[in-house]
Amino acid sequence: MQSGDIEDLFEIIPRIGVLRDQRFHKPLLDLLNHKDPKRREFAAYSMGAMRDPQFLEPLKKAFKPAQSMKGPAGGSLQVAIIEAIGVIGDDAAVEFFLPMLKEPCKDRKTDKLPQWIVESLGAIAQQGGERSLDALLELTWHPDPEIRAQALAELSVAYWHRPNEIADSTLERFCELTHDRNRAIAESALEALQNLADVGCRRAERLFAGEGS
């Protein structure tokens, strides 16, 4: 891993995810601090593939140095770290992610950072993360309409495999936002309700049938 061809390393990530061998831990932790950003990126994706919550703290610590890197390599490394945290699915990541969504993007390299974070919160929510579900609901009040719309989409997807477990407060928020003055928000809320109805959410079905909630 330290000296192998980087393209070959990326090709073995799926195998690492299947094996999830504890012997990968130290080499991956070492690579997460490697001077080569591509090897750090490989380490982050591999940690995500292993889905081990023990990697959460090292990934969080590796994020700040990635933010300080110049050029596209820093952006790619940030994406890898955020995606890995989402795949690991530890609900404790909420406290790490939410403060970053309150910070304005400082340059073009990080202007998609909120999108990556909301996607990762969605991935955690799909795995049953209650704090992530609450965070996504909170984000439907975010001042940035793009974040609000994406949070709506991620919330609906989080319930696709358990559509009738969605909280009444979440459905009420969806209904409220179908009347939002921002057209993109209103359309996202309507689509979220429609998607839930399509996967068998009885309350969403009744809303579309005009029976109320």
N, C-alpha and C. Protein backbone atom coordinates (compact mmCIF):
# COMPACT_ATOMS: atom_id res chain seq x y z
N MET A 1 0.81 -1.21 0.00
CA MET A 1 0.00 0.00 0.00
C MET A 1 0.85 1.27 0.00
N GLN A 2 1.97 1.23 0.65
CA GLN A 2 2.82 2.40 0.74
C GLN A 2 3.50 2.74 -0.58
N SER A 3 3.84 1.70 -1.37
CA SER A 3 4.62 1.95 -2.58
C SER A 3 3.97 1.43 -3.85
N GLY A 4 2.82 0.75 -3.76
CA GLY A 4 2.18 0.20 -4.94
C GLY A 4 1.63 1.29 -5.85
N ASP A 5 1.36 0.92 -7.10
CA ASP A 5 0.79 1.86 -8.06
C ASP A 5 -0.58 2.33 -7.55
N ILE A 6 -0.82 3.63 -7.57
CA ILE A 6 -2.02 4.17 -6.96
C ILE A 6 -3.29 3.71 -7.67
N GLU A 7 -3.23 3.56 -9.00
CA GLU A 7 -4.41 3.09 -9.74
C GLU A 7 -4.75 1.66 -9.34
N ASP A 8 -3.72 0.84 -9.14
CA ASP A 8 -3.96 -0.54 -8.70
C ASP A 8 -4.59 -0.56 -7.31
N LEU A 9 -4.15 0.36 -6.45
CA LEU A 9 -4.69 0.41 -5.10
C LEU A 9 -6.19 0.71 -5.13
N PHE A 10 -6.61 1.67 -5.93
CA PHE A 10 -8.02 2.02 -5.99
C PHE A 10 -8.87 0.85 -6.47
N GLU A 11 -8.29 -0.01 -7.30
CA GLU A 11 -9.03 -1.15 -7.81
C GLU A 11 -9.31 -2.21 -6.75
N ILE A 12 -8.53 -2.21 -5.65
CA ILE A 12 -8.75 -3.24 -4.63
C ILE A 12 -9.70 -2.77 -3.52
N ILE A 13 -10.21 -1.55 -3.61
CA ILE A 13 -11.10 -1.06 -2.56
C ILE A 13 -12.32 -1.97 -2.37
N PRO A 14 -12.98 -2.43 -3.45
CA PRO A 14 -14.13 -3.33 -3.23
C PRO A 14 -13.74 -4.61 -2.49
N ARG A 15 -12.54 -5.12 -2.77
CA ARG A 15 -12.09 -6.33 -2.08
C ARG A 15 -11.85 -6.06 -0.60
N ILE A 16 -11.29 -4.89 -0.31
CA ILE A 16 -11.09 -4.50 1.09
C ILE A 16 -12.43 -4.46 1.82
N GLY A 17 -13.46 -3.94 1.11
CA GLY A 17 -14.79 -3.86 1.70
C GLY A 17 -15.41 -5.22 1.97
N VAL A 18 -15.06 -6.19 1.16
CA VAL A 18 -15.57 -7.55 1.36
C VAL A 18 -14.84 -8.24 2.51
N LEU A 19 -13.53 -8.12 2.52
CA LEU A 19 -12.72 -8.81 3.54
C LEU A 19 -12.87 -8.18 4.93
N ARG A 20 -12.81 -6.86 4.98
CA ARG A 20 -12.89 -6.12 6.25
C ARG A 20 -11.96 -6.72 7.31
N ASP A 21 -10.76 -7.03 6.88
CA ASP A 21 -9.77 -7.65 7.75
C ASP A 21 -9.15 -6.60 8.67
N GLN A 22 -9.07 -6.90 9.96
CA GLN A 22 -8.51 -5.97 10.94
C GLN A 22 -7.05 -5.62 10.64
N ARG A 23 -6.38 -6.48 9.88
CA ARG A 23 -4.98 -6.22 9.54
C ARG A 23 -4.83 -5.02 8.59
N PHE A 24 -5.93 -4.58 7.99
CA PHE A 24 -5.88 -3.39 7.14
C PHE A 24 -5.82 -2.10 7.96
N HIS A 25 -6.19 -2.17 9.23
CA HIS A 25 -6.36 -0.96 10.03
C HIS A 25 -5.09 -0.10 10.07
N LYS A 26 -4.00 -0.66 10.52
CA LYS A 26 -2.79 0.15 10.68
C LYS A 26 -2.28 0.70 9.35
N PRO A 27 -2.19 -0.14 8.29
CA PRO A 27 -1.72 0.43 7.01
C PRO A 27 -2.61 1.57 6.51
N LEU A 28 -3.93 1.45 6.71
CA LEU A 28 -4.83 2.51 6.25
C LEU A 28 -4.68 3.77 7.10
N LEU A 29 -4.50 3.59 8.39
CA LEU A 29 -4.29 4.75 9.26
C LEU A 29 -2.99 5.47 8.90
N ASP A 30 -1.97 4.69 8.58
CA ASP A 30 -0.69 5.29 8.16
C ASP A 30 -0.86 6.07 6.85
N LEU A 31 -1.61 5.47 5.90
CA LEU A 31 -1.80 6.12 4.61
C LEU A 31 -2.65 7.38 4.71
N LEU A 32 -3.51 7.45 5.71
CA LEU A 32 -4.36 8.63 5.86
C LEU A 32 -3.52 9.87 6.19
N ASN A 33 -2.28 9.65 6.62
CA ASN A 33 -1.36 10.75 6.91
C ASN A 33 -0.19 10.80 5.93
N HIS A 34 -0.32 10.10 4.83
CA HIS A 34 0.75 10.05 3.83
C HIS A 34 0.94 11.41 3.15
N LYS A 35 2.15 11.67 2.69
CA LYS A 35 2.42 12.95 2.02
C LYS A 35 1.72 13.03 0.66
N ASP A 36 1.42 11.86 0.06
CA ASP A 36 0.75 11.82 -1.24
C ASP A 36 -0.77 11.90 -1.02
N PRO A 37 -1.44 12.97 -1.49
CA PRO A 37 -2.88 13.11 -1.25
C PRO A 37 -3.71 11.99 -1.88
N LYS A 38 -3.24 11.41 -2.99
CA LYS A 38 -4.00 10.32 -3.60
C LYS A 38 -4.00 9.08 -2.72
N ARG A 39 -2.90 8.84 -1.99
CA ARG A 39 -2.87 7.71 -1.07
C ARG A 39 -3.76 7.99 0.14
N ARG A 40 -3.82 9.24 0.54
CA ARG A 40 -4.75 9.59 1.62
C ARG A 40 -6.19 9.37 1.15
N GLU A 41 -6.45 9.74 -0.08
CA GLU A 41 -7.79 9.55 -0.64
C GLU A 41 -8.14 8.07 -0.70
N PHE A 42 -7.18 7.25 -1.14
CA PHE A 42 -7.39 5.80 -1.16
C PHE A 42 -7.70 5.28 0.24
N ALA A 43 -6.96 5.76 1.23
CA ALA A 43 -7.17 5.31 2.61
C ALA A 43 -8.58 5.66 3.08
N ALA A 44 -9.03 6.88 2.76
CA ALA A 44 -10.37 7.31 3.18
C ALA A 44 -11.45 6.43 2.57
N TYR A 45 -11.38 6.22 1.26
CA TYR A 45 -12.39 5.37 0.61
C TYR A 45 -12.35 3.94 1.14
N SER A 46 -11.15 3.45 1.42
CA SER A 46 -11.02 2.08 1.94
C SER A 46 -11.62 1.98 3.34
N MET A 47 -11.43 3.01 4.16
CA MET A 47 -12.03 3.03 5.49
C MET A 47 -13.56 3.01 5.39
N GLY A 48 -14.08 3.76 4.43
CA GLY A 48 -15.52 3.73 4.22
C GLY A 48 -15.98 2.34 3.80
N ALA A 49 -15.22 1.70 2.93
CA ALA A 49 -15.58 0.36 2.46
C ALA A 49 -15.61 -0.64 3.60
N MET A 50 -14.74 -0.45 4.60
CA MET A 50 -14.69 -1.37 5.74
C MET A 50 -15.82 -1.12 6.73
N ARG A 51 -16.40 0.08 6.69
CA ARG A 51 -17.56 0.43 7.52
C ARG A 51 -17.30 0.23 9.02
N ASP A 52 -16.10 0.51 9.44
CA ASP A 52 -15.74 0.34 10.85
C ASP A 52 -15.81 1.69 11.55
N PRO A 53 -16.68 1.83 12.58
CA PRO A 53 -16.80 3.10 13.30
C PRO A 53 -15.50 3.57 13.94
N GLN A 54 -14.53 2.67 14.13
CA GLN A 54 -13.25 3.08 14.69
C GLN A 54 -12.53 4.10 13.80
N PHE A 55 -12.90 4.13 12.53
CA PHE A 55 -12.24 5.05 11.60
C PHE A 55 -12.84 6.46 11.65
N LEU A 56 -13.95 6.63 12.34
CA LEU A 56 -14.63 7.93 12.33
C LEU A 56 -13.73 9.05 12.83
N GLU A 57 -13.11 8.88 13.99
CA GLU A 57 -12.27 9.95 14.55
C GLU A 57 -11.05 10.25 13.69
N PRO A 58 -10.32 9.24 13.20
CA PRO A 58 -9.19 9.55 12.32
C PRO A 58 -9.61 10.30 11.06
N LEU A 59 -10.77 9.95 10.50
CA LEU A 59 -11.25 10.64 9.31
C LEU A 59 -11.58 12.10 9.62
N LYS A 60 -12.22 12.32 10.76
CA LYS A 60 -12.54 13.69 11.16
C LYS A 60 -11.27 14.52 11.34
N LYS A 61 -10.25 13.92 11.94
CA LYS A 61 -8.99 14.64 12.15
C LYS A 61 -8.28 14.92 10.83
N ALA A 62 -8.48 14.05 9.85
CA ALA A 62 -7.81 14.22 8.56
C ALA A 62 -8.48 15.29 7.70
N PHE A 63 -9.68 15.69 8.10
CA PHE A 63 -10.43 16.62 7.25
C PHE A 63 -9.83 18.02 7.23
N LYS A 64 -9.42 18.52 8.38
CA LYS A 64 -8.89 19.89 8.45
C LYS A 64 -7.65 20.06 7.57
N PRO A 65 -6.66 19.14 7.63
CA PRO A 65 -5.52 19.27 6.72
C PRO A 65 -5.94 19.24 5.26
N ALA A 66 -6.98 18.46 4.95
CA ALA A 66 -7.46 18.41 3.56
C ALA A 66 -8.02 19.76 3.14
N GLN A 67 -8.69 20.46 4.06
CA GLN A 67 -9.24 21.78 3.76
C GLN A 67 -8.15 22.80 3.45
N SER A 68 -6.99 22.63 4.05
CA SER A 68 -5.90 23.60 3.87
C SER A 68 -5.08 23.33 2.62
N MET A 69 -5.33 22.21 1.95
CA MET A 69 -4.56 21.88 0.75
C MET A 69 -5.00 22.74 -0.42
N LYS A 70 -4.07 23.10 -1.28
CA LYS A 70 -4.37 23.89 -2.46
C LYS A 70 -4.58 22.98 -3.66
N GLY A 71 -5.41 23.44 -4.60
CA GLY A 71 -5.62 22.69 -5.82
C GLY A 71 -6.72 21.65 -5.70
N PRO A 72 -7.02 20.97 -6.82
CA PRO A 72 -8.11 19.99 -6.84
C PRO A 72 -7.88 18.78 -5.93
N ALA A 73 -6.63 18.48 -5.62
CA ALA A 73 -6.35 17.33 -4.75
C ALA A 73 -7.01 17.49 -3.39
N GLY A 74 -7.03 18.72 -2.87
CA GLY A 74 -7.67 18.97 -1.58
C GLY A 74 -9.16 18.72 -1.64
N GLY A 75 -9.80 19.18 -2.73
CA GLY A 75 -11.23 18.96 -2.88
C GLY A 75 -11.57 17.48 -3.00
N SER A 76 -10.76 16.74 -3.77
CA SER A 76 -11.01 15.30 -3.93
C SER A 76 -10.86 14.56 -2.61
N LEU A 77 -9.88 14.98 -1.82
CA LEU A 77 -9.66 14.33 -0.53
C LEU A 77 -10.81 14.64 0.42
N GLN A 78 -11.31 15.87 0.39
CA GLN A 78 -12.46 16.21 1.23
C GLN A 78 -13.67 15.36 0.88
N VAL A 79 -13.92 15.19 -0.42
CA VAL A 79 -15.04 14.35 -0.86
C VAL A 79 -14.87 12.93 -0.33
N ALA A 80 -13.67 12.38 -0.46
CA ALA A 80 -13.42 11.01 -0.02
C ALA A 80 -13.68 10.85 1.47
N ILE A 81 -13.24 11.82 2.25
CA ILE A 81 -13.42 11.74 3.70
C ILE A 81 -14.90 11.84 4.07
N ILE A 82 -15.60 12.79 3.47
CA ILE A 82 -17.02 12.97 3.77
C ILE A 82 -17.83 11.75 3.35
N GLU A 83 -17.54 11.22 2.16
CA GLU A 83 -18.26 10.03 1.70
C GLU A 83 -17.98 8.84 2.60
N ALA A 84 -16.74 8.69 3.03
CA ALA A 84 -16.38 7.57 3.90
C ALA A 84 -17.14 7.65 5.22
N ILE A 85 -17.23 8.84 5.78
CA ILE A 85 -17.96 9.01 7.04
C ILE A 85 -19.42 8.64 6.85
N GLY A 86 -20.00 9.03 5.71
CA GLY A 86 -21.39 8.68 5.44
C GLY A 86 -21.60 7.20 5.30
N VAL A 87 -20.69 6.53 4.61
CA VAL A 87 -20.82 5.09 4.39
C VAL A 87 -20.66 4.33 5.71
N ILE A 88 -19.75 4.78 6.55
CA ILE A 88 -19.57 4.13 7.85
C ILE A 88 -20.87 4.16 8.64
N GLY A 89 -21.60 5.26 8.52
CA GLY A 89 -22.95 5.31 9.07
C GLY A 89 -23.06 5.58 10.54
N ASP A 90 -22.03 6.13 11.15
CA ASP A 90 -22.07 6.43 12.59
C ASP A 90 -22.81 7.75 12.79
N ASP A 91 -23.91 7.69 13.57
CA ASP A 91 -24.74 8.86 13.79
C ASP A 91 -24.01 9.99 14.51
N ALA A 92 -22.89 9.67 15.14
CA ALA A 92 -22.11 10.70 15.84
C ALA A 92 -21.50 11.70 14.87
N ALA A 93 -21.52 11.40 13.58
CA ALA A 93 -20.95 12.31 12.59
C ALA A 93 -21.77 13.59 12.46
N VAL A 94 -23.00 13.59 12.96
CA VAL A 94 -23.86 14.77 12.85
C VAL A 94 -23.20 16.00 13.46
N GLU A 95 -22.62 15.83 14.65
CA GLU A 95 -21.99 16.96 15.34
C GLU A 95 -20.77 17.49 14.58
N PHE A 96 -20.20 16.66 13.75
CA PHE A 96 -19.06 17.07 12.93
C PHE A 96 -19.55 17.82 11.69
N PHE A 97 -20.64 17.34 11.09
CA PHE A 97 -21.12 17.90 9.84
C PHE A 97 -21.89 19.22 9.98
N LEU A 98 -22.81 19.29 10.93
CA LEU A 98 -23.70 20.45 10.99
C LEU A 98 -22.98 21.79 11.10
N PRO A 99 -21.95 21.93 11.96
CA PRO A 99 -21.27 23.23 12.02
C PRO A 99 -20.70 23.68 10.69
N MET A 100 -20.26 22.73 9.86
CA MET A 100 -19.69 23.10 8.56
C MET A 100 -20.75 23.66 7.62
N LEU A 101 -22.00 23.23 7.80
CA LEU A 101 -23.06 23.73 6.93
C LEU A 101 -23.47 25.16 7.30
N LYS A 102 -23.00 25.62 8.43
CA LYS A 102 -23.30 26.98 8.85
C LYS A 102 -22.21 27.96 8.43
N GLU A 103 -21.12 27.40 7.87
CA GLU A 103 -20.01 28.25 7.43
C GLU A 103 -20.14 28.55 5.94
N PRO A 104 -19.92 29.79 5.52
CA PRO A 104 -19.97 30.10 4.09
C PRO A 104 -18.79 29.48 3.36
N CYS A 105 -19.03 29.05 2.11
CA CYS A 105 -17.93 28.51 1.31
C CYS A 105 -16.97 29.63 0.95
N LYS A 106 -15.69 29.39 1.17
CA LYS A 106 -14.69 30.44 1.00
C LYS A 106 -14.11 30.51 -0.41
N ASP A 107 -14.18 29.42 -1.15
CA ASP A 107 -13.63 29.45 -2.50
C ASP A 107 -14.32 28.41 -3.36
N ARG A 108 -14.00 28.42 -4.65
CA ARG A 108 -14.67 27.54 -5.60
C ARG A 108 -14.35 26.07 -5.34
N LYS A 109 -13.23 25.82 -4.71
CA LYS A 109 -12.84 24.44 -4.44
C LYS A 109 -13.83 23.75 -3.51
N THR A 110 -14.44 24.52 -2.62
CA THR A 110 -15.31 23.92 -1.60
C THR A 110 -16.77 24.27 -1.78
N ASP A 111 -17.18 24.83 -2.96
CA ASP A 111 -18.56 25.27 -3.09
C ASP A 111 -19.55 24.12 -3.12
N LYS A 112 -19.07 22.89 -3.33
CA LYS A 112 -19.96 21.74 -3.30
C LYS A 112 -19.89 20.99 -1.98
N LEU A 113 -19.15 21.54 -1.04
CA LEU A 113 -19.01 20.90 0.26
C LEU A 113 -20.35 20.65 0.93
N PRO A 114 -21.28 21.63 0.95
CA PRO A 114 -22.59 21.36 1.57
C PRO A 114 -23.32 20.19 0.92
N GLN A 115 -23.25 20.08 -0.39
CA GLN A 115 -23.90 18.99 -1.09
C GLN A 115 -23.35 17.64 -0.64
N TRP A 116 -22.02 17.55 -0.54
CA TRP A 116 -21.40 16.28 -0.11
C TRP A 116 -21.83 15.93 1.31
N ILE A 117 -21.90 16.95 2.16
CA ILE A 117 -22.26 16.70 3.56
C ILE A 117 -23.70 16.22 3.68
N VAL A 118 -24.61 16.88 2.98
CA VAL A 118 -26.03 16.48 3.06
C VAL A 118 -26.20 15.06 2.51
N GLU A 119 -25.46 14.73 1.45
CA GLU A 119 -25.52 13.37 0.91
C GLU A 119 -25.05 12.35 1.95
N SER A 120 -24.01 12.68 2.67
CA SER A 120 -23.51 11.76 3.69
C SER A 120 -24.48 11.64 4.86
N LEU A 121 -25.10 12.75 5.25
CA LEU A 121 -26.14 12.68 6.28
C LEU A 121 -27.28 11.78 5.80
N GLY A 122 -27.60 11.87 4.53
CA GLY A 122 -28.63 11.00 3.97
C GLY A 122 -28.24 9.54 4.02
N ALA A 123 -26.96 9.25 3.73
CA ALA A 123 -26.49 7.87 3.79
C ALA A 123 -26.59 7.31 5.20
N ILE A 124 -26.27 8.14 6.19
CA ILE A 124 -26.37 7.71 7.59
C ILE A 124 -27.83 7.52 7.98
N ALA A 125 -28.68 8.45 7.54
CA ALA A 125 -30.11 8.34 7.84
C ALA A 125 -30.71 7.07 7.25
N GLN A 126 -30.27 6.68 6.07
CA GLN A 126 -30.77 5.45 5.45
C GLN A 126 -30.43 4.22 6.28
N GLN A 127 -29.35 4.33 7.05
CA GLN A 127 -28.94 3.21 7.90
C GLN A 127 -29.59 3.28 9.28
N GLY A 128 -30.57 4.17 9.43
CA GLY A 128 -31.31 4.25 10.69
C GLY A 128 -30.82 5.30 11.66
N GLY A 129 -29.97 6.20 11.23
CA GLY A 129 -29.43 7.21 12.13
C GLY A 129 -30.48 8.25 12.51
N GLU A 130 -30.96 8.20 13.72
CA GLU A 130 -32.02 9.11 14.17
C GLU A 130 -31.53 10.55 14.24
N ARG A 131 -30.30 10.75 14.69
CA ARG A 131 -29.77 12.11 14.78
C ARG A 131 -29.59 12.69 13.38
N SER A 132 -29.25 11.85 12.43
CA SER A 132 -29.11 12.33 11.05
C SER A 132 -30.46 12.69 10.46
N LEU A 133 -31.48 11.92 10.80
CA LEU A 133 -32.84 12.26 10.35
C LEU A 133 -33.25 13.62 10.92
N ASP A 134 -32.98 13.82 12.20
CA ASP A 134 -33.30 15.11 12.83
C ASP A 134 -32.52 16.25 12.17
N ALA A 135 -31.25 15.97 11.85
CA ALA A 135 -30.42 17.00 11.23
C ALA A 135 -30.95 17.37 9.85
N LEU A 136 -31.37 16.38 9.07
CA LEU A 136 -31.92 16.65 7.74
C LEU A 136 -33.20 17.46 7.85
N LEU A 137 -34.03 17.12 8.83
CA LEU A 137 -35.26 17.89 9.03
C LEU A 137 -34.92 19.34 9.39
N GLU A 138 -33.93 19.51 10.26
CA GLU A 138 -33.48 20.85 10.64
C GLU A 138 -33.01 21.63 9.43
N LEU A 139 -32.36 20.94 8.50
CA LEU A 139 -31.82 21.61 7.32
C LEU A 139 -32.90 22.07 6.35
N THR A 140 -34.13 21.61 6.53
CA THR A 140 -35.21 22.12 5.67
C THR A 140 -35.56 23.56 6.00
N TRP A 141 -34.94 24.12 7.07
CA TRP A 141 -35.08 25.54 7.41
C TRP A 141 -33.80 26.32 7.06
N HIS A 142 -32.84 25.66 6.42
CA HIS A 142 -31.57 26.32 6.10
C HIS A 142 -31.81 27.51 5.16
N PRO A 143 -31.06 28.60 5.31
CA PRO A 143 -31.26 29.76 4.43
C PRO A 143 -30.91 29.50 2.97
N ASP A 144 -30.06 28.50 2.70
CA ASP A 144 -29.69 28.18 1.32
C ASP A 144 -30.76 27.26 0.72
N PRO A 145 -31.49 27.70 -0.31
CA PRO A 145 -32.55 26.87 -0.88
C PRO A 145 -32.06 25.54 -1.46
N GLU A 146 -30.82 25.52 -1.95
CA GLU A 146 -30.30 24.26 -2.50
C GLU A 146 -30.13 23.22 -1.39
N ILE A 147 -29.66 23.66 -0.25
CA ILE A 147 -29.51 22.74 0.88
C ILE A 147 -30.88 22.27 1.35
N ARG A 148 -31.84 23.18 1.42
CA ARG A 148 -33.19 22.80 1.84
C ARG A 148 -33.79 21.76 0.90
N ALA A 149 -33.65 21.99 -0.41
CA ALA A 149 -34.19 21.06 -1.39
C ALA A 149 -33.51 19.70 -1.30
N GLN A 150 -32.20 19.70 -1.13
CA GLN A 150 -31.47 18.43 -1.04
C GLN A 150 -31.83 17.68 0.23
N ALA A 151 -32.00 18.42 1.33
CA ALA A 151 -32.39 17.78 2.58
C ALA A 151 -33.75 17.09 2.45
N LEU A 152 -34.67 17.72 1.75
CA LEU A 152 -35.98 17.11 1.49
C LEU A 152 -35.82 15.79 0.74
N ALA A 153 -35.01 15.82 -0.31
CA ALA A 153 -34.81 14.62 -1.10
C ALA A 153 -34.17 13.50 -0.28
N GLU A 154 -33.15 13.84 0.50
CA GLU A 154 -32.47 12.82 1.31
C GLU A 154 -33.40 12.26 2.38
N LEU A 155 -34.25 13.09 2.94
CA LEU A 155 -35.21 12.61 3.94
C LEU A 155 -36.17 11.60 3.35
N SER A 156 -36.69 11.87 2.18
CA SER A 156 -37.63 10.92 1.58
C SER A 156 -36.95 9.60 1.25
N VAL A 157 -35.72 9.67 0.71
CA VAL A 157 -34.98 8.45 0.37
C VAL A 157 -34.69 7.62 1.62
N ALA A 158 -34.44 8.30 2.75
CA ALA A 158 -34.11 7.59 3.99
C ALA A 158 -35.24 6.67 4.44
N TYR A 159 -36.45 6.96 3.99
CA TYR A 159 -37.61 6.15 4.42
C TYR A 159 -38.12 5.19 3.35
N TRP A 160 -37.42 5.08 2.25
CA TRP A 160 -37.91 4.23 1.17
C TRP A 160 -38.09 2.77 1.60
N HIS A 161 -37.22 2.27 2.47
CA HIS A 161 -37.34 0.88 2.88
C HIS A 161 -38.22 0.71 4.11
N ARG A 162 -38.76 1.81 4.65
CA ARG A 162 -39.66 1.76 5.81
C ARG A 162 -40.61 2.96 5.75
N PRO A 163 -41.36 3.07 4.65
CA PRO A 163 -42.12 4.29 4.38
C PRO A 163 -43.16 4.64 5.43
N ASN A 164 -43.69 3.66 6.13
CA ASN A 164 -44.73 3.96 7.11
C ASN A 164 -44.19 4.27 8.50
N GLU A 165 -42.87 4.38 8.60
CA GLU A 165 -42.26 4.77 9.86
C GLU A 165 -41.92 6.25 9.90
N ILE A 166 -42.19 6.96 8.83
CA ILE A 166 -41.85 8.38 8.79
C ILE A 166 -42.66 9.14 9.83
N ALA A 167 -42.00 10.06 10.50
CA ALA A 167 -42.66 10.82 11.58
C ALA A 167 -43.70 11.78 11.01
N ASP A 168 -44.77 11.98 11.78
CA ASP A 168 -45.81 12.92 11.36
C ASP A 168 -45.24 14.31 11.16
N SER A 169 -44.31 14.71 12.03
CA SER A 169 -43.73 16.05 11.92
C SER A 169 -42.97 16.23 10.61
N THR A 170 -42.36 15.14 10.11
CA THR A 170 -41.64 15.22 8.84
C THR A 170 -42.61 15.36 7.68
N LEU A 171 -43.67 14.56 7.70
CA LEU A 171 -44.68 14.67 6.65
C LEU A 171 -45.34 16.05 6.65
N GLU A 172 -45.59 16.57 7.84
CA GLU A 172 -46.19 17.90 7.94
C GLU A 172 -45.25 18.96 7.35
N ARG A 173 -43.96 18.79 7.59
CA ARG A 173 -42.99 19.73 7.04
C ARG A 173 -42.98 19.64 5.51
N PHE A 174 -43.04 18.42 4.97
CA PHE A 174 -43.10 18.26 3.52
C PHE A 174 -44.32 19.00 2.96
N CYS A 175 -45.48 18.79 3.60
CA CYS A 175 -46.71 19.43 3.13
C CYS A 175 -46.58 20.96 3.18
N GLU A 176 -46.01 21.44 4.26
CA GLU A 176 -45.82 22.89 4.42
C GLU A 176 -44.97 23.45 3.29
N LEU A 177 -43.92 22.72 2.93
CA LEU A 177 -42.98 23.22 1.93
C LEU A 177 -43.50 23.09 0.51
N THR A 178 -44.56 22.33 0.29
CA THR A 178 -45.15 22.30 -1.05
C THR A 178 -45.75 23.66 -1.42
N HIS A 179 -45.90 24.54 -0.43
CA HIS A 179 -46.44 25.88 -0.66
C HIS A 179 -45.35 26.95 -0.53
N ASP A 180 -44.10 26.52 -0.50
CA ASP A 180 -43.00 27.47 -0.35
C ASP A 180 -42.95 28.42 -1.55
N ARG A 181 -42.56 29.67 -1.29
CA ARG A 181 -42.50 30.65 -2.36
C ARG A 181 -41.38 30.35 -3.36
N ASN A 182 -40.38 29.61 -2.89
CA ASN A 182 -39.30 29.18 -3.80
C ASN A 182 -39.79 27.96 -4.58
N ARG A 183 -39.89 28.10 -5.87
CA ARG A 183 -40.47 27.04 -6.70
C ARG A 183 -39.70 25.72 -6.58
N ALA A 184 -38.38 25.81 -6.54
CA ALA A 184 -37.57 24.58 -6.45
C ALA A 184 -37.85 23.85 -5.15
N ILE A 185 -38.04 24.60 -4.06
CA ILE A 185 -38.35 23.97 -2.78
C ILE A 185 -39.72 23.31 -2.83
N ALA A 186 -40.71 24.03 -3.36
CA ALA A 186 -42.06 23.48 -3.44
C ALA A 186 -42.09 22.21 -4.29
N GLU A 187 -41.37 22.22 -5.40
CA GLU A 187 -41.33 21.03 -6.26
C GLU A 187 -40.60 19.88 -5.59
N SER A 188 -39.54 20.17 -4.85
CA SER A 188 -38.80 19.12 -4.13
C SER A 188 -39.67 18.49 -3.06
N ALA A 189 -40.45 19.31 -2.35
CA ALA A 189 -41.33 18.78 -1.31
C ALA A 189 -42.41 17.91 -1.92
N LEU A 190 -42.99 18.35 -3.03
CA LEU A 190 -44.02 17.56 -3.69
C LEU A 190 -43.45 16.24 -4.21
N GLU A 191 -42.25 16.30 -4.77
CA GLU A 191 -41.61 15.08 -5.26
C GLU A 191 -41.30 14.13 -4.12
N ALA A 192 -40.87 14.67 -2.97
CA ALA A 192 -40.59 13.83 -1.81
C ALA A 192 -41.84 13.09 -1.35
N LEU A 193 -42.96 13.80 -1.30
CA LEU A 193 -44.22 13.16 -0.92
C LEU A 193 -44.64 12.12 -1.94
N GLN A 194 -44.47 12.44 -3.23
CA GLN A 194 -44.84 11.49 -4.28
C GLN A 194 -43.98 10.22 -4.20
N ASN A 195 -42.69 10.40 -3.95
CA ASN A 195 -41.81 9.24 -3.83
C ASN A 195 -42.22 8.35 -2.67
N LEU A 196 -42.59 8.96 -1.56
CA LEU A 196 -43.02 8.18 -0.40
C LEU A 196 -44.31 7.44 -0.70
N ALA A 197 -45.24 8.10 -1.40
CA ALA A 197 -46.49 7.43 -1.78
C ALA A 197 -46.20 6.25 -2.70
N ASP A 198 -45.25 6.44 -3.61
CA ASP A 198 -44.91 5.39 -4.57
C ASP A 198 -44.33 4.15 -3.91
N VAL A 199 -43.65 4.34 -2.77
CA VAL A 199 -43.06 3.17 -2.10
C VAL A 199 -43.95 2.64 -0.98
N GLY A 200 -45.19 3.15 -0.90
CA GLY A 200 -46.16 2.55 0.01
C GLY A 200 -46.45 3.29 1.29
N CYS A 201 -46.08 4.56 1.39
CA CYS A 201 -46.41 5.33 2.59
C CYS A 201 -47.90 5.66 2.54
N ARG A 202 -48.68 5.06 3.43
CA ARG A 202 -50.13 5.20 3.38
C ARG A 202 -50.58 6.63 3.63
N ARG A 203 -49.91 7.33 4.54
CA ARG A 203 -50.30 8.71 4.84
C ARG A 203 -50.02 9.61 3.64
N ALA A 204 -48.91 9.37 2.95
CA ALA A 204 -48.61 10.16 1.74
C ALA A 204 -49.63 9.84 0.64
N GLU A 205 -50.02 8.57 0.54
CA GLU A 205 -51.04 8.19 -0.45
C GLU A 205 -52.35 8.91 -0.18
N ARG A 206 -52.74 9.01 1.10
CA ARG A 206 -54.00 9.68 1.44
C ARG A 206 -53.93 11.16 1.11
N LEU A 207 -52.75 11.76 1.29
CA LEU A 207 -52.59 13.17 0.94
C LEU A 207 -52.86 13.40 -0.53
N PHE A 208 -52.35 12.52 -1.37
CA PHE A 208 -52.55 12.67 -2.80
C PHE A 208 -53.98 12.32 -3.21
N ALA A 209 -54.64 11.52 -2.39
CA ALA A 209 -56.03 11.17 -2.66
C ALA A 209 -56.99 12.25 -2.14
N GLY A 210 -56.43 13.28 -1.50
CA GLY A 210 -57.25 14.37 -1.00
C GLY A 210 -57.96 14.07 0.30
N GLU A 211 -57.44 13.10 1.06
CA GLU A 211 -58.07 12.73 2.31
C GLU A 211 -57.45 13.42 3.50
N GLY A 212 -56.38 14.23 3.28
CA GLY A 212 -55.69 14.88 4.39
C GLY A 212 -54.77 13.93 5.08
N SER A 213 -54.17 14.35 6.19
CA SER A 213 -53.20 13.55 6.92
C SER A 213 -53.84 12.83 8.08
